[in-house]
């Protein structure tokens, strides 16, 4: 069951992340997305599969 997160909470978290990193909110989202892709790829590689499986 996926976790549902309120949009306002998501926005607040992204803004705080951006503030802490000293970047724009768009850059913070890009950084988070890149980290998620890398983490997914590493997890898939560890399982012997491909990212997105």
N, C-alpha and C. Protein backbone atom coordinates (compact mmCIF):
# COMPACT_ATOMS: atom_id res chain seq x y z
N UNK A 1 0.84 -1.19 0.00
CA UNK A 1 0.00 0.00 0.00
C UNK A 1 0.88 1.24 0.00
N UNK A 2 0.75 2.09 -1.00
CA UNK A 2 1.60 3.29 -1.07
C UNK A 2 1.23 4.29 0.03
N UNK A 3 2.21 5.03 0.43
CA UNK A 3 2.01 6.07 1.43
C UNK A 3 1.46 7.30 0.72
N UNK A 4 0.40 7.88 1.25
CA UNK A 4 -0.16 9.10 0.66
C UNK A 4 0.29 10.28 1.51
N UNK A 5 0.86 11.26 0.85
CA UNK A 5 1.37 12.44 1.54
C UNK A 5 0.62 13.67 1.03
N UNK A 6 0.20 14.48 1.95
CA UNK A 6 -0.50 15.71 1.61
C UNK A 6 0.41 16.61 0.78
N UNK A 7 -0.15 17.26 -0.23
CA UNK A 7 0.63 18.14 -1.10
C UNK A 7 1.29 19.28 -0.34
N UNK A 8 0.60 19.84 0.63
CA UNK A 8 1.17 20.94 1.40
C UNK A 8 2.39 20.48 2.20
N UNK A 9 2.31 19.27 2.74
CA UNK A 9 3.44 18.73 3.49
C UNK A 9 4.62 18.49 2.56
N UNK A 10 4.35 17.93 1.38
CA UNK A 10 5.40 17.69 0.39
C UNK A 10 6.08 19.00 0.01
N UNK A 11 5.28 20.02 -0.24
CA UNK A 11 5.82 21.32 -0.61
C UNK A 11 6.69 21.89 0.50
N UNK A 12 6.23 21.77 1.73
CA UNK A 12 7.00 22.28 2.87
C UNK A 12 8.33 21.57 3.02
N UNK A 13 8.32 20.26 2.81
CA UNK A 13 9.56 19.48 2.92
C UNK A 13 10.54 19.88 1.83
N UNK A 14 10.05 20.03 0.61
CA UNK A 14 10.92 20.41 -0.51
C UNK A 14 11.51 21.80 -0.28
N UNK A 15 10.68 22.72 0.18
CA UNK A 15 11.18 24.07 0.44
C UNK A 15 12.24 24.07 1.54
N UNK A 16 12.03 23.29 2.58
CA UNK A 16 13.02 23.22 3.67
C UNK A 16 14.31 22.57 3.17
N UNK A 17 14.20 21.52 2.39
CA UNK A 17 15.38 20.87 1.81
C UNK A 17 16.17 21.86 0.96
N UNK A 18 15.46 22.62 0.14
CA UNK A 18 16.11 23.61 -0.70
C UNK A 18 16.80 24.67 0.15
N UNK A 19 16.12 25.13 1.19
CA UNK A 19 16.70 26.15 2.06
C UNK A 19 17.98 25.64 2.71
N UNK A 20 17.94 24.41 3.21
CA UNK A 20 19.12 23.84 3.87
C UNK A 20 20.29 23.65 2.92
N UNK A 21 19.98 23.31 1.68
CA UNK A 21 21.04 23.10 0.68
C UNK A 21 21.47 24.38 -0.01
N UNK A 22 20.70 25.44 0.19
CA UNK A 22 21.03 26.71 -0.45
C UNK A 22 20.80 26.69 -1.95
N UNK A 23 19.77 25.98 -2.38
CA UNK A 23 19.45 25.89 -3.81
C UNK A 23 17.99 26.26 -4.03
N UNK A 24 17.59 26.36 -5.30
CA UNK A 24 16.19 26.61 -5.61
C UNK A 24 15.37 25.34 -5.35
N UNK A 25 14.06 25.50 -5.25
CA UNK A 25 13.22 24.32 -5.02
C UNK A 25 13.31 23.35 -6.20
N UNK A 26 13.41 23.89 -7.41
CA UNK A 26 13.54 23.01 -8.59
C UNK A 26 14.83 22.20 -8.50
N UNK A 27 15.92 22.84 -8.11
CA UNK A 27 17.20 22.14 -7.99
C UNK A 27 17.12 21.07 -6.89
N UNK A 28 16.45 21.37 -5.79
CA UNK A 28 16.29 20.39 -4.72
C UNK A 28 15.51 19.17 -5.20
N UNK A 29 14.48 19.40 -6.01
CA UNK A 29 13.69 18.29 -6.56
C UNK A 29 14.55 17.47 -7.51
N UNK A 30 15.34 18.13 -8.36
CA UNK A 30 16.23 17.42 -9.28
C UNK A 30 17.24 16.56 -8.52
N UNK A 31 17.81 17.12 -7.46
CA UNK A 31 18.79 16.38 -6.66
C UNK A 31 18.14 15.16 -6.02
N UNK A 32 16.94 15.35 -5.48
CA UNK A 32 16.23 14.24 -4.83
C UNK A 32 15.89 13.15 -5.85
N UNK A 33 15.45 13.56 -7.04
CA UNK A 33 15.11 12.59 -8.08
C UNK A 33 16.34 11.81 -8.53
N UNK A 34 17.45 12.50 -8.69
CA UNK A 34 18.69 11.83 -9.09
C UNK A 34 19.12 10.82 -8.02
N UNK A 35 19.00 11.20 -6.76
CA UNK A 35 19.37 10.29 -5.67
C UNK A 35 18.47 9.06 -5.68
N UNK A 36 17.18 9.28 -5.91
CA UNK A 36 16.24 8.15 -5.95
C UNK A 36 16.60 7.20 -7.10
N UNK A 37 16.93 7.74 -8.26
CA UNK A 37 17.30 6.90 -9.40
C UNK A 37 18.56 6.09 -9.11
N UNK A 38 19.55 6.74 -8.50
CA UNK A 38 20.79 6.05 -8.15
C UNK A 38 20.50 4.95 -7.12
N UNK A 39 19.71 5.27 -6.10
CA UNK A 39 19.37 4.28 -5.08
C UNK A 39 18.62 3.10 -5.67
N UNK A 40 17.66 3.38 -6.58
CA UNK A 40 16.91 2.31 -7.24
C UNK A 40 17.83 1.42 -8.07
N UNK A 41 18.75 2.06 -8.80
CA UNK A 41 19.68 1.29 -9.63
C UNK A 41 20.57 0.41 -8.77
N UNK A 42 21.05 0.94 -7.67
CA UNK A 42 21.90 0.14 -6.77
C UNK A 42 21.12 -1.03 -6.18
N UNK A 43 19.89 -0.78 -5.78
CA UNK A 43 19.06 -1.84 -5.20
C UNK A 43 18.78 -2.92 -6.24
N UNK A 44 18.48 -2.50 -7.46
CA UNK A 44 18.21 -3.47 -8.52
C UNK A 44 19.46 -4.28 -8.84
N UNK A 45 20.60 -3.61 -8.86
CA UNK A 45 21.85 -4.30 -9.14
C UNK A 45 22.15 -5.32 -8.04
N UNK A 46 21.88 -4.95 -6.81
CA UNK A 46 22.11 -5.85 -5.69
C UNK A 46 21.21 -7.09 -5.77
N UNK A 47 20.01 -6.90 -6.34
CA UNK A 47 19.08 -8.02 -6.50
C UNK A 47 19.35 -8.79 -7.78
N UNK A 48 20.21 -8.25 -8.63
CA UNK A 48 20.51 -8.91 -9.89
C UNK A 48 19.53 -8.58 -10.99
N UNK A 49 18.75 -7.53 -10.81
CA UNK A 49 17.77 -7.12 -11.82
C UNK A 49 18.17 -5.81 -12.45
N UNK A 50 17.18 -5.14 -13.01
CA UNK A 50 17.41 -3.84 -13.62
C UNK A 50 16.53 -2.82 -12.92
N UNK A 51 16.97 -1.58 -12.93
CA UNK A 51 16.18 -0.51 -12.33
C UNK A 51 14.83 -0.45 -13.02
N UNK A 52 13.79 -0.26 -12.24
CA UNK A 52 12.45 -0.19 -12.79
C UNK A 52 11.72 -1.51 -12.78
N UNK A 53 12.40 -2.59 -12.39
CA UNK A 53 11.74 -3.90 -12.32
C UNK A 53 10.80 -3.98 -11.14
